[in-house]
Amino acid sequence: MEERRVSSKPISILVISAHCDTAVPSINVVDSVNHTIYDFYNFPEQMYQHKYPAPGAPQLARRVKELLIKSGFSRVDEDTKPGLDHGARVPLFLMYPEADIPVCQLSVQSQQDGTYHYNFGKALAPLKDESVLIIGSGSAILHLELPGL
């Protein structure tokens, strides 16, 4: 049996966030640093000060688009506005607080059925062999005492 070595740190991260819901898949293609999107309301002020300035992952974003198109998804939009919503940045902050791994975010299509989403995941499966961490995230809000706030 062949032994697979897994790096403790991925080369890039793809976050599929339930807080970014679009009619067709949309991937953020960011050449600079991701900004923080505050897509929640009426929370303590300190939560609006938290940032996660991870670099964008444009090569990964283009690879994701390529894989989806190759798998039969007829359209994948590119979003060039740099930003991570709380569904993306909260788990990232807890896992990699240094914000030093390139990240891109992919939208979900909640109006689609289970078969669609199964095929969506199947299309992205090759990324697991490319040292990419794939995170599916939903309703994560960071409500902790944050260092420096």
N, C-alpha and C. Protein backbone atom coordinates (compact mmCIF):
# COMPACT_ATOMS: atom_id res chain seq x y z
N MET A 1 0.84 -1.18 0.00
CA MET A 1 0.00 0.00 0.00
C MET A 1 0.89 1.24 0.00
N GLU A 2 0.58 2.15 -0.89
CA GLU A 2 1.37 3.38 -1.02
C GLU A 2 1.01 4.35 0.09
N GLU A 3 2.04 4.89 0.73
CA GLU A 3 1.83 5.87 1.80
C GLU A 3 1.75 7.26 1.19
N ARG A 4 0.71 8.00 1.55
CA ARG A 4 0.55 9.38 1.09
C ARG A 4 0.98 10.32 2.19
N ARG A 5 1.86 11.24 1.85
CA ARG A 5 2.27 12.25 2.82
C ARG A 5 1.39 13.47 2.63
N VAL A 6 0.88 13.95 3.71
CA VAL A 6 0.01 15.11 3.67
C VAL A 6 0.69 16.24 4.42
N SER A 7 0.80 17.37 3.76
CA SER A 7 1.39 18.55 4.39
C SER A 7 0.44 19.03 5.50
N SER A 8 1.01 19.56 6.55
CA SER A 8 0.18 20.07 7.63
C SER A 8 -0.47 21.40 7.26
N LYS A 9 0.01 22.02 6.21
CA LYS A 9 -0.53 23.31 5.79
C LYS A 9 -0.82 23.25 4.29
N PRO A 10 -2.05 23.57 3.89
CA PRO A 10 -2.36 23.54 2.46
C PRO A 10 -1.66 24.67 1.71
N ILE A 11 -1.52 24.50 0.39
CA ILE A 11 -0.92 25.58 -0.40
C ILE A 11 -1.94 26.67 -0.70
N SER A 12 -3.22 26.30 -0.69
CA SER A 12 -4.30 27.27 -0.85
C SER A 12 -5.58 26.66 -0.30
N ILE A 13 -6.58 27.54 -0.13
CA ILE A 13 -7.85 27.12 0.47
C ILE A 13 -9.01 27.60 -0.38
N LEU A 14 -9.95 26.69 -0.60
CA LEU A 14 -11.21 27.02 -1.26
C LEU A 14 -12.31 26.93 -0.20
N VAL A 15 -13.02 28.03 0.00
CA VAL A 15 -14.14 28.03 0.93
C VAL A 15 -15.43 28.16 0.13
N ILE A 16 -16.32 27.21 0.35
CA ILE A 16 -17.65 27.25 -0.26
C ILE A 16 -18.58 27.69 0.86
N SER A 17 -19.04 28.93 0.75
CA SER A 17 -19.79 29.54 1.85
C SER A 17 -21.27 29.66 1.53
N ALA A 18 -22.09 29.20 2.46
CA ALA A 18 -23.54 29.32 2.31
C ALA A 18 -24.00 30.77 2.36
N HIS A 19 -23.11 31.68 2.74
CA HIS A 19 -23.49 33.09 2.80
C HIS A 19 -23.32 33.79 1.46
N CYS A 20 -22.83 33.05 0.48
CA CYS A 20 -22.72 33.57 -0.88
C CYS A 20 -23.54 32.64 -1.76
N ASP A 21 -24.77 33.01 -2.03
CA ASP A 21 -25.73 32.17 -2.75
C ASP A 21 -26.06 32.86 -4.07
N THR A 22 -25.73 32.22 -5.18
CA THR A 22 -25.93 32.81 -6.50
C THR A 22 -26.65 31.82 -7.42
N ALA A 23 -27.20 32.32 -8.52
CA ALA A 23 -27.92 31.46 -9.46
C ALA A 23 -26.99 30.48 -10.16
N VAL A 24 -25.77 30.91 -10.45
CA VAL A 24 -24.75 30.04 -11.05
C VAL A 24 -23.50 30.14 -10.19
N PRO A 25 -22.62 29.15 -10.25
CA PRO A 25 -21.40 29.23 -9.45
C PRO A 25 -20.63 30.53 -9.73
N SER A 26 -20.14 31.13 -8.67
CA SER A 26 -19.35 32.35 -8.77
C SER A 26 -18.13 32.19 -7.88
N ILE A 27 -16.95 32.39 -8.46
CA ILE A 27 -15.68 32.22 -7.75
C ILE A 27 -15.00 33.57 -7.66
N ASN A 28 -14.45 33.89 -6.48
CA ASN A 28 -13.76 35.18 -6.42
C ASN A 28 -12.31 35.02 -6.86
N VAL A 29 -11.97 35.80 -7.85
CA VAL A 29 -10.63 35.81 -8.45
C VAL A 29 -9.95 37.09 -7.99
N VAL A 30 -9.13 36.95 -6.94
CA VAL A 30 -8.54 38.10 -6.28
C VAL A 30 -7.02 38.02 -6.39
N ASP A 31 -6.42 39.04 -7.02
CA ASP A 31 -4.96 39.09 -7.16
C ASP A 31 -4.30 39.77 -5.98
N SER A 32 -5.09 40.40 -5.13
CA SER A 32 -4.54 41.13 -3.98
C SER A 32 -4.99 40.46 -2.69
N VAL A 33 -5.09 41.23 -1.65
CA VAL A 33 -5.51 40.73 -0.34
C VAL A 33 -7.04 40.77 -0.27
N ASN A 34 -7.62 39.73 0.31
CA ASN A 34 -9.07 39.70 0.51
C ASN A 34 -9.47 40.68 1.60
N HIS A 35 -10.52 41.41 1.36
CA HIS A 35 -11.09 42.30 2.36
C HIS A 35 -12.10 41.53 3.19
N THR A 36 -12.56 42.14 4.24
CA THR A 36 -13.55 41.53 5.11
C THR A 36 -14.93 42.05 4.74
N ILE A 37 -15.85 41.13 4.52
CA ILE A 37 -17.25 41.49 4.25
C ILE A 37 -18.02 41.30 5.55
N TYR A 38 -18.64 42.35 6.01
CA TYR A 38 -19.44 42.28 7.23
C TYR A 38 -20.90 42.08 6.81
N ASP A 39 -21.29 40.84 6.67
CA ASP A 39 -22.62 40.50 6.17
C ASP A 39 -23.54 40.02 7.28
N PHE A 40 -23.48 40.72 8.40
CA PHE A 40 -24.37 40.45 9.52
C PHE A 40 -24.69 41.78 10.19
N TYR A 41 -25.72 41.78 11.02
CA TYR A 41 -26.22 43.04 11.58
C TYR A 41 -26.52 42.89 13.07
N ASN A 42 -26.42 44.00 13.79
CA ASN A 42 -26.79 44.08 15.20
C ASN A 42 -25.96 43.17 16.11
N PHE A 43 -24.67 43.07 15.82
CA PHE A 43 -23.76 42.31 16.67
C PHE A 43 -22.89 43.29 17.44
N PRO A 44 -22.16 42.81 18.46
CA PRO A 44 -21.27 43.70 19.21
C PRO A 44 -20.25 44.37 18.29
N GLU A 45 -19.93 45.61 18.61
CA GLU A 45 -19.02 46.43 17.78
C GLU A 45 -17.71 45.73 17.48
N GLN A 46 -17.16 44.97 18.43
CA GLN A 46 -15.86 44.32 18.21
C GLN A 46 -15.89 43.36 17.03
N MET A 47 -17.07 42.82 16.72
CA MET A 47 -17.16 41.89 15.60
C MET A 47 -16.97 42.59 14.25
N TYR A 48 -17.23 43.88 14.22
CA TYR A 48 -17.07 44.66 12.99
C TYR A 48 -15.63 45.16 12.84
N GLN A 49 -14.79 44.87 13.80
CA GLN A 49 -13.39 45.26 13.73
C GLN A 49 -12.49 44.09 13.34
N HIS A 50 -13.01 42.89 13.41
CA HIS A 50 -12.21 41.71 13.09
C HIS A 50 -11.96 41.64 11.58
N LYS A 51 -10.71 41.39 11.22
CA LYS A 51 -10.31 41.27 9.82
C LYS A 51 -9.55 39.97 9.63
N TYR A 52 -9.58 39.46 8.40
CA TYR A 52 -8.80 38.29 8.04
C TYR A 52 -8.21 38.57 6.66
N PRO A 53 -7.07 39.25 6.62
CA PRO A 53 -6.50 39.73 5.35
C PRO A 53 -5.68 38.67 4.59
N ALA A 54 -6.30 37.55 4.32
CA ALA A 54 -5.59 36.49 3.57
C ALA A 54 -5.39 36.91 2.12
N PRO A 55 -4.29 36.48 1.53
CA PRO A 55 -4.10 36.77 0.10
C PRO A 55 -5.12 36.03 -0.74
N GLY A 56 -5.43 36.60 -1.88
CA GLY A 56 -6.31 35.92 -2.83
C GLY A 56 -5.60 34.73 -3.45
N ALA A 57 -6.37 33.86 -4.10
CA ALA A 57 -5.82 32.66 -4.75
C ALA A 57 -6.32 32.60 -6.19
N PRO A 58 -5.84 33.52 -7.05
CA PRO A 58 -6.37 33.57 -8.41
C PRO A 58 -6.10 32.30 -9.22
N GLN A 59 -4.95 31.64 -8.99
CA GLN A 59 -4.67 30.40 -9.72
C GLN A 59 -5.66 29.32 -9.32
N LEU A 60 -5.95 29.23 -8.03
CA LEU A 60 -6.93 28.25 -7.57
C LEU A 60 -8.31 28.59 -8.12
N ALA A 61 -8.68 29.85 -8.12
CA ALA A 61 -9.99 30.26 -8.64
C ALA A 61 -10.14 29.83 -10.10
N ARG A 62 -9.10 30.04 -10.88
CA ARG A 62 -9.17 29.65 -12.30
C ARG A 62 -9.21 28.13 -12.46
N ARG A 63 -8.53 27.42 -11.57
CA ARG A 63 -8.56 25.95 -11.59
C ARG A 63 -9.96 25.45 -11.23
N VAL A 64 -10.59 26.06 -10.25
CA VAL A 64 -11.96 25.69 -9.86
C VAL A 64 -12.90 25.89 -11.05
N LYS A 65 -12.78 27.04 -11.69
CA LYS A 65 -13.64 27.32 -12.85
C LYS A 65 -13.40 26.28 -13.94
N GLU A 66 -12.14 25.97 -14.21
CA GLU A 66 -11.79 24.97 -15.22
C GLU A 66 -12.42 23.61 -14.89
N LEU A 67 -12.30 23.18 -13.65
CA LEU A 67 -12.85 21.89 -13.25
C LEU A 67 -14.37 21.85 -13.39
N LEU A 68 -15.04 22.93 -13.00
CA LEU A 68 -16.50 22.96 -13.09
C LEU A 68 -16.97 22.95 -14.55
N ILE A 69 -16.33 23.76 -15.37
CA ILE A 69 -16.70 23.81 -16.80
C ILE A 69 -16.45 22.44 -17.45
N LYS A 70 -15.29 21.86 -17.17
CA LYS A 70 -14.93 20.54 -17.73
C LYS A 70 -15.93 19.46 -17.30
N SER A 71 -16.55 19.65 -16.13
CA SER A 71 -17.50 18.67 -15.61
C SER A 71 -18.94 18.93 -16.06
N GLY A 72 -19.13 19.91 -16.93
CA GLY A 72 -20.45 20.12 -17.50
C GLY A 72 -21.24 21.29 -16.95
N PHE A 73 -20.66 22.04 -16.02
CA PHE A 73 -21.33 23.25 -15.55
C PHE A 73 -21.13 24.30 -16.64
N SER A 74 -22.22 24.74 -17.23
CA SER A 74 -22.12 25.58 -18.43
C SER A 74 -21.62 26.99 -18.16
N ARG A 75 -21.78 27.46 -16.94
CA ARG A 75 -21.38 28.84 -16.65
C ARG A 75 -20.83 28.93 -15.23
N VAL A 76 -19.69 29.60 -15.11
CA VAL A 76 -19.10 29.90 -13.81
C VAL A 76 -18.65 31.36 -13.88
N ASP A 77 -19.25 32.19 -13.06
CA ASP A 77 -18.91 33.61 -13.06
C ASP A 77 -17.65 33.86 -12.22
N GLU A 78 -16.93 34.91 -12.59
CA GLU A 78 -15.76 35.35 -11.82
C GLU A 78 -16.12 36.65 -11.12
N ASP A 79 -15.88 36.69 -9.83
CA ASP A 79 -16.11 37.88 -9.02
C ASP A 79 -14.73 38.44 -8.67
N THR A 80 -14.46 39.66 -9.09
CA THR A 80 -13.14 40.25 -8.84
C THR A 80 -13.12 41.18 -7.63
N LYS A 81 -14.24 41.27 -6.91
CA LYS A 81 -14.25 42.08 -5.69
C LYS A 81 -13.64 41.24 -4.56
N PRO A 82 -12.53 41.70 -4.02
CA PRO A 82 -11.88 40.89 -2.98
C PRO A 82 -12.67 40.92 -1.68
N GLY A 83 -13.05 39.76 -1.20
CA GLY A 83 -13.77 39.75 0.06
C GLY A 83 -14.12 38.36 0.54
N LEU A 84 -14.06 38.19 1.85
CA LEU A 84 -14.44 36.94 2.50
C LEU A 84 -15.56 37.26 3.49
N ASP A 85 -16.66 36.51 3.39
CA ASP A 85 -17.74 36.71 4.34
C ASP A 85 -17.44 35.95 5.63
N HIS A 86 -18.30 36.10 6.63
CA HIS A 86 -18.01 35.47 7.92
C HIS A 86 -18.07 33.95 7.84
N GLY A 87 -18.80 33.40 6.90
CA GLY A 87 -18.81 31.95 6.72
C GLY A 87 -17.45 31.43 6.26
N ALA A 88 -16.67 32.28 5.63
CA ALA A 88 -15.32 31.91 5.19
C ALA A 88 -14.28 32.28 6.23
N ARG A 89 -14.32 33.50 6.70
CA ARG A 89 -13.20 33.97 7.52
C ARG A 89 -13.19 33.43 8.94
N VAL A 90 -14.34 33.08 9.52
CA VAL A 90 -14.36 32.59 10.89
C VAL A 90 -13.64 31.25 11.01
N PRO A 91 -13.99 30.24 10.21
CA PRO A 91 -13.22 28.99 10.33
C PRO A 91 -11.75 29.18 9.96
N LEU A 92 -11.47 30.04 9.00
CA LEU A 92 -10.08 30.28 8.61
C LEU A 92 -9.30 30.91 9.76
N PHE A 93 -9.90 31.89 10.42
CA PHE A 93 -9.24 32.54 11.55
C PHE A 93 -8.92 31.53 12.65
N LEU A 94 -9.85 30.64 12.92
CA LEU A 94 -9.64 29.66 13.98
C LEU A 94 -8.59 28.61 13.59
N MET A 95 -8.51 28.30 12.30
CA MET A 95 -7.57 27.28 11.84
C MET A 95 -6.19 27.85 11.53
N TYR A 96 -6.16 28.99 10.87
CA TYR A 96 -4.91 29.62 10.41
C TYR A 96 -4.93 31.11 10.73
N PRO A 97 -4.76 31.48 11.99
CA PRO A 97 -4.89 32.89 12.39
C PRO A 97 -3.88 33.82 11.74
N GLU A 98 -2.81 33.28 11.18
CA GLU A 98 -1.79 34.13 10.54
C GLU A 98 -2.29 34.73 9.23
N ALA A 99 -3.35 34.19 8.65
CA ALA A 99 -3.91 34.67 7.37
C ALA A 99 -2.86 34.69 6.27
N ASP A 100 -2.03 33.65 6.22
CA ASP A 100 -0.92 33.63 5.26
C ASP A 100 -1.10 32.60 4.14
N ILE A 101 -2.26 31.98 4.05
CA ILE A 101 -2.52 31.00 2.99
C ILE A 101 -3.49 31.63 1.99
N PRO A 102 -3.19 31.58 0.69
CA PRO A 102 -4.10 32.13 -0.31
C PRO A 102 -5.48 31.46 -0.26
N VAL A 103 -6.52 32.30 -0.35
CA VAL A 103 -7.90 31.84 -0.21
C VAL A 103 -8.77 32.37 -1.33
N CYS A 104 -9.67 31.52 -1.82
CA CYS A 104 -10.74 32.01 -2.68
C CYS A 104 -12.05 31.42 -2.20
N GLN A 105 -13.13 32.11 -2.52
CA GLN A 105 -14.46 31.73 -2.05
C GLN A 105 -15.34 31.41 -3.24
N LEU A 106 -16.11 30.34 -3.11
CA LEU A 106 -17.03 29.88 -4.15
C LEU A 106 -18.44 29.93 -3.60
N SER A 107 -19.38 30.36 -4.42
CA SER A 107 -20.77 30.46 -3.99
C SER A 107 -21.48 29.11 -4.06
N VAL A 108 -22.63 29.06 -3.41
CA VAL A 108 -23.51 27.91 -3.50
C VAL A 108 -24.73 28.28 -4.33
N GLN A 109 -25.49 27.28 -4.73
CA GLN A 109 -26.71 27.48 -5.48
C GLN A 109 -27.83 26.75 -4.75
N SER A 110 -28.40 27.40 -3.74
CA SER A 110 -29.37 26.73 -2.87
C SER A 110 -30.65 26.32 -3.58
N GLN A 111 -30.90 26.89 -4.74
CA GLN A 111 -32.12 26.52 -5.48
C GLN A 111 -31.95 25.20 -6.23
N GLN A 112 -30.74 24.65 -6.23
CA GLN A 112 -30.47 23.39 -6.93
C GLN A 112 -30.68 22.19 -6.01
N ASP A 113 -30.82 21.01 -6.63
CA ASP A 113 -31.09 19.80 -5.86
C ASP A 113 -29.81 19.06 -5.45
N GLY A 114 -29.97 17.95 -4.76
CA GLY A 114 -28.86 17.17 -4.26
C GLY A 114 -27.96 16.62 -5.35
N THR A 115 -28.52 16.20 -6.47
CA THR A 115 -27.72 15.67 -7.57
C THR A 115 -26.77 16.74 -8.10
N TYR A 116 -27.28 17.95 -8.24
CA TYR A 116 -26.46 19.07 -8.69
C TYR A 116 -25.27 19.25 -7.75
N HIS A 117 -25.53 19.28 -6.45
CA HIS A 117 -24.47 19.51 -5.48
C HIS A 117 -23.50 18.33 -5.37
N TYR A 118 -24.00 17.13 -5.56
CA TYR A 118 -23.12 15.96 -5.60
C TYR A 118 -22.14 16.10 -6.76
N ASN A 119 -22.67 16.47 -7.94
CA ASN A 119 -21.81 16.66 -9.12
C ASN A 119 -20.85 17.83 -8.95
N PHE A 120 -21.28 18.84 -8.25
CA PHE A 120 -20.46 20.00 -7.92
C PHE A 120 -19.23 19.55 -7.12
N GLY A 121 -19.48 18.77 -6.07
CA GLY A 121 -18.39 18.25 -5.24
C GLY A 121 -17.50 17.30 -6.01
N LYS A 122 -18.10 16.45 -6.82
CA LYS A 122 -17.33 15.50 -7.63
C LYS A 122 -16.40 16.24 -8.60
N ALA A 123 -16.86 17.34 -9.16
CA ALA A 123 -16.04 18.13 -10.08
C ALA A 123 -14.82 18.72 -9.38
N LEU A 124 -14.97 19.05 -8.09
CA LEU A 124 -13.87 19.67 -7.34
C LEU A 124 -12.94 18.65 -6.69
N ALA A 125 -13.28 17.37 -6.75
CA ALA A 125 -12.50 16.32 -6.08
C ALA A 125 -11.01 16.31 -6.44
N PRO A 126 -10.60 16.60 -7.68
CA PRO A 126 -9.17 16.60 -7.98
C PRO A 126 -8.34 17.55 -7.12
N LEU A 127 -8.97 18.57 -6.55
CA LEU A 127 -8.23 19.53 -5.74
C LEU A 127 -7.62 18.90 -4.50
N LYS A 128 -8.21 17.82 -4.03
CA LYS A 128 -7.69 17.17 -2.81
C LYS A 128 -6.29 16.62 -3.04
N ASP A 129 -5.96 16.32 -4.29
CA ASP A 129 -4.62 15.82 -4.62
C ASP A 129 -3.67 16.93 -5.03
N GLU A 130 -4.13 18.17 -4.92
CA GLU A 130 -3.33 19.33 -5.31
C GLU A 130 -3.00 20.20 -4.09
N SER A 131 -3.05 19.63 -2.91
CA SER A 131 -2.76 20.31 -1.63
C SER A 131 -3.67 21.51 -1.37
N VAL A 132 -4.93 21.39 -1.83
CA VAL A 132 -5.92 22.43 -1.59
C VAL A 132 -6.86 21.94 -0.49
N LEU A 133 -7.07 22.78 0.50
CA LEU A 133 -8.05 22.49 1.54
C LEU A 133 -9.38 23.05 1.07
N ILE A 134 -10.41 22.21 1.09
CA ILE A 134 -11.75 22.64 0.72
C ILE A 134 -12.59 22.66 1.98
N ILE A 135 -13.19 23.82 2.25
CA ILE A 135 -14.03 23.99 3.44
C ILE A 135 -15.44 24.36 2.99
N GLY A 136 -16.42 23.63 3.48
CA GLY A 136 -17.82 23.99 3.31
C GLY A 136 -18.27 24.65 4.60
N SER A 137 -18.81 25.85 4.52
CA SER A 137 -19.14 26.58 5.74
C SER A 137 -20.53 27.17 5.65
N GLY A 138 -21.13 27.32 6.82
CA GLY A 138 -22.48 27.87 6.88
C GLY A 138 -22.58 29.04 7.82
N SER A 139 -23.23 28.84 8.94
CA SER A 139 -23.58 29.96 9.81
C SER A 139 -22.59 30.16 10.95
N ALA A 140 -21.36 30.40 10.61
CA ALA A 140 -20.35 30.60 11.65
C ALA A 140 -20.21 32.09 11.96
N ILE A 141 -20.38 32.44 13.21
CA ILE A 141 -20.14 33.81 13.68
C ILE A 141 -19.12 33.72 14.80
N LEU A 142 -18.11 34.54 14.72
CA LEU A 142 -17.08 34.56 15.74
C LEU A 142 -17.51 35.50 16.85
N HIS A 143 -17.85 34.93 17.96
CA HIS A 143 -18.29 35.74 19.10
C HIS A 143 -17.39 35.37 20.29
N LEU A 144 -16.12 35.67 20.12
CA LEU A 144 -15.12 35.37 21.13
C LEU A 144 -14.43 36.66 21.53
N GLU A 145 -13.66 36.57 22.58
CA GLU A 145 -12.78 37.68 22.91
C GLU A 145 -11.62 37.59 21.94
N LEU A 146 -11.55 38.49 21.01
CA LEU A 146 -10.53 38.45 19.98
C LEU A 146 -9.27 39.17 20.46
N PRO A 147 -8.12 38.56 20.24
CA PRO A 147 -6.87 39.23 20.61
C PRO A 147 -6.74 40.57 19.88
N GLY A 148 -6.33 41.57 20.59
CA GLY A 148 -6.10 42.87 19.97
C GLY A 148 -7.32 43.74 19.82
N LEU A 149 -8.48 43.26 20.27
CA LEU A 149 -9.69 44.09 20.14
C LEU A 149 -10.15 44.58 21.48
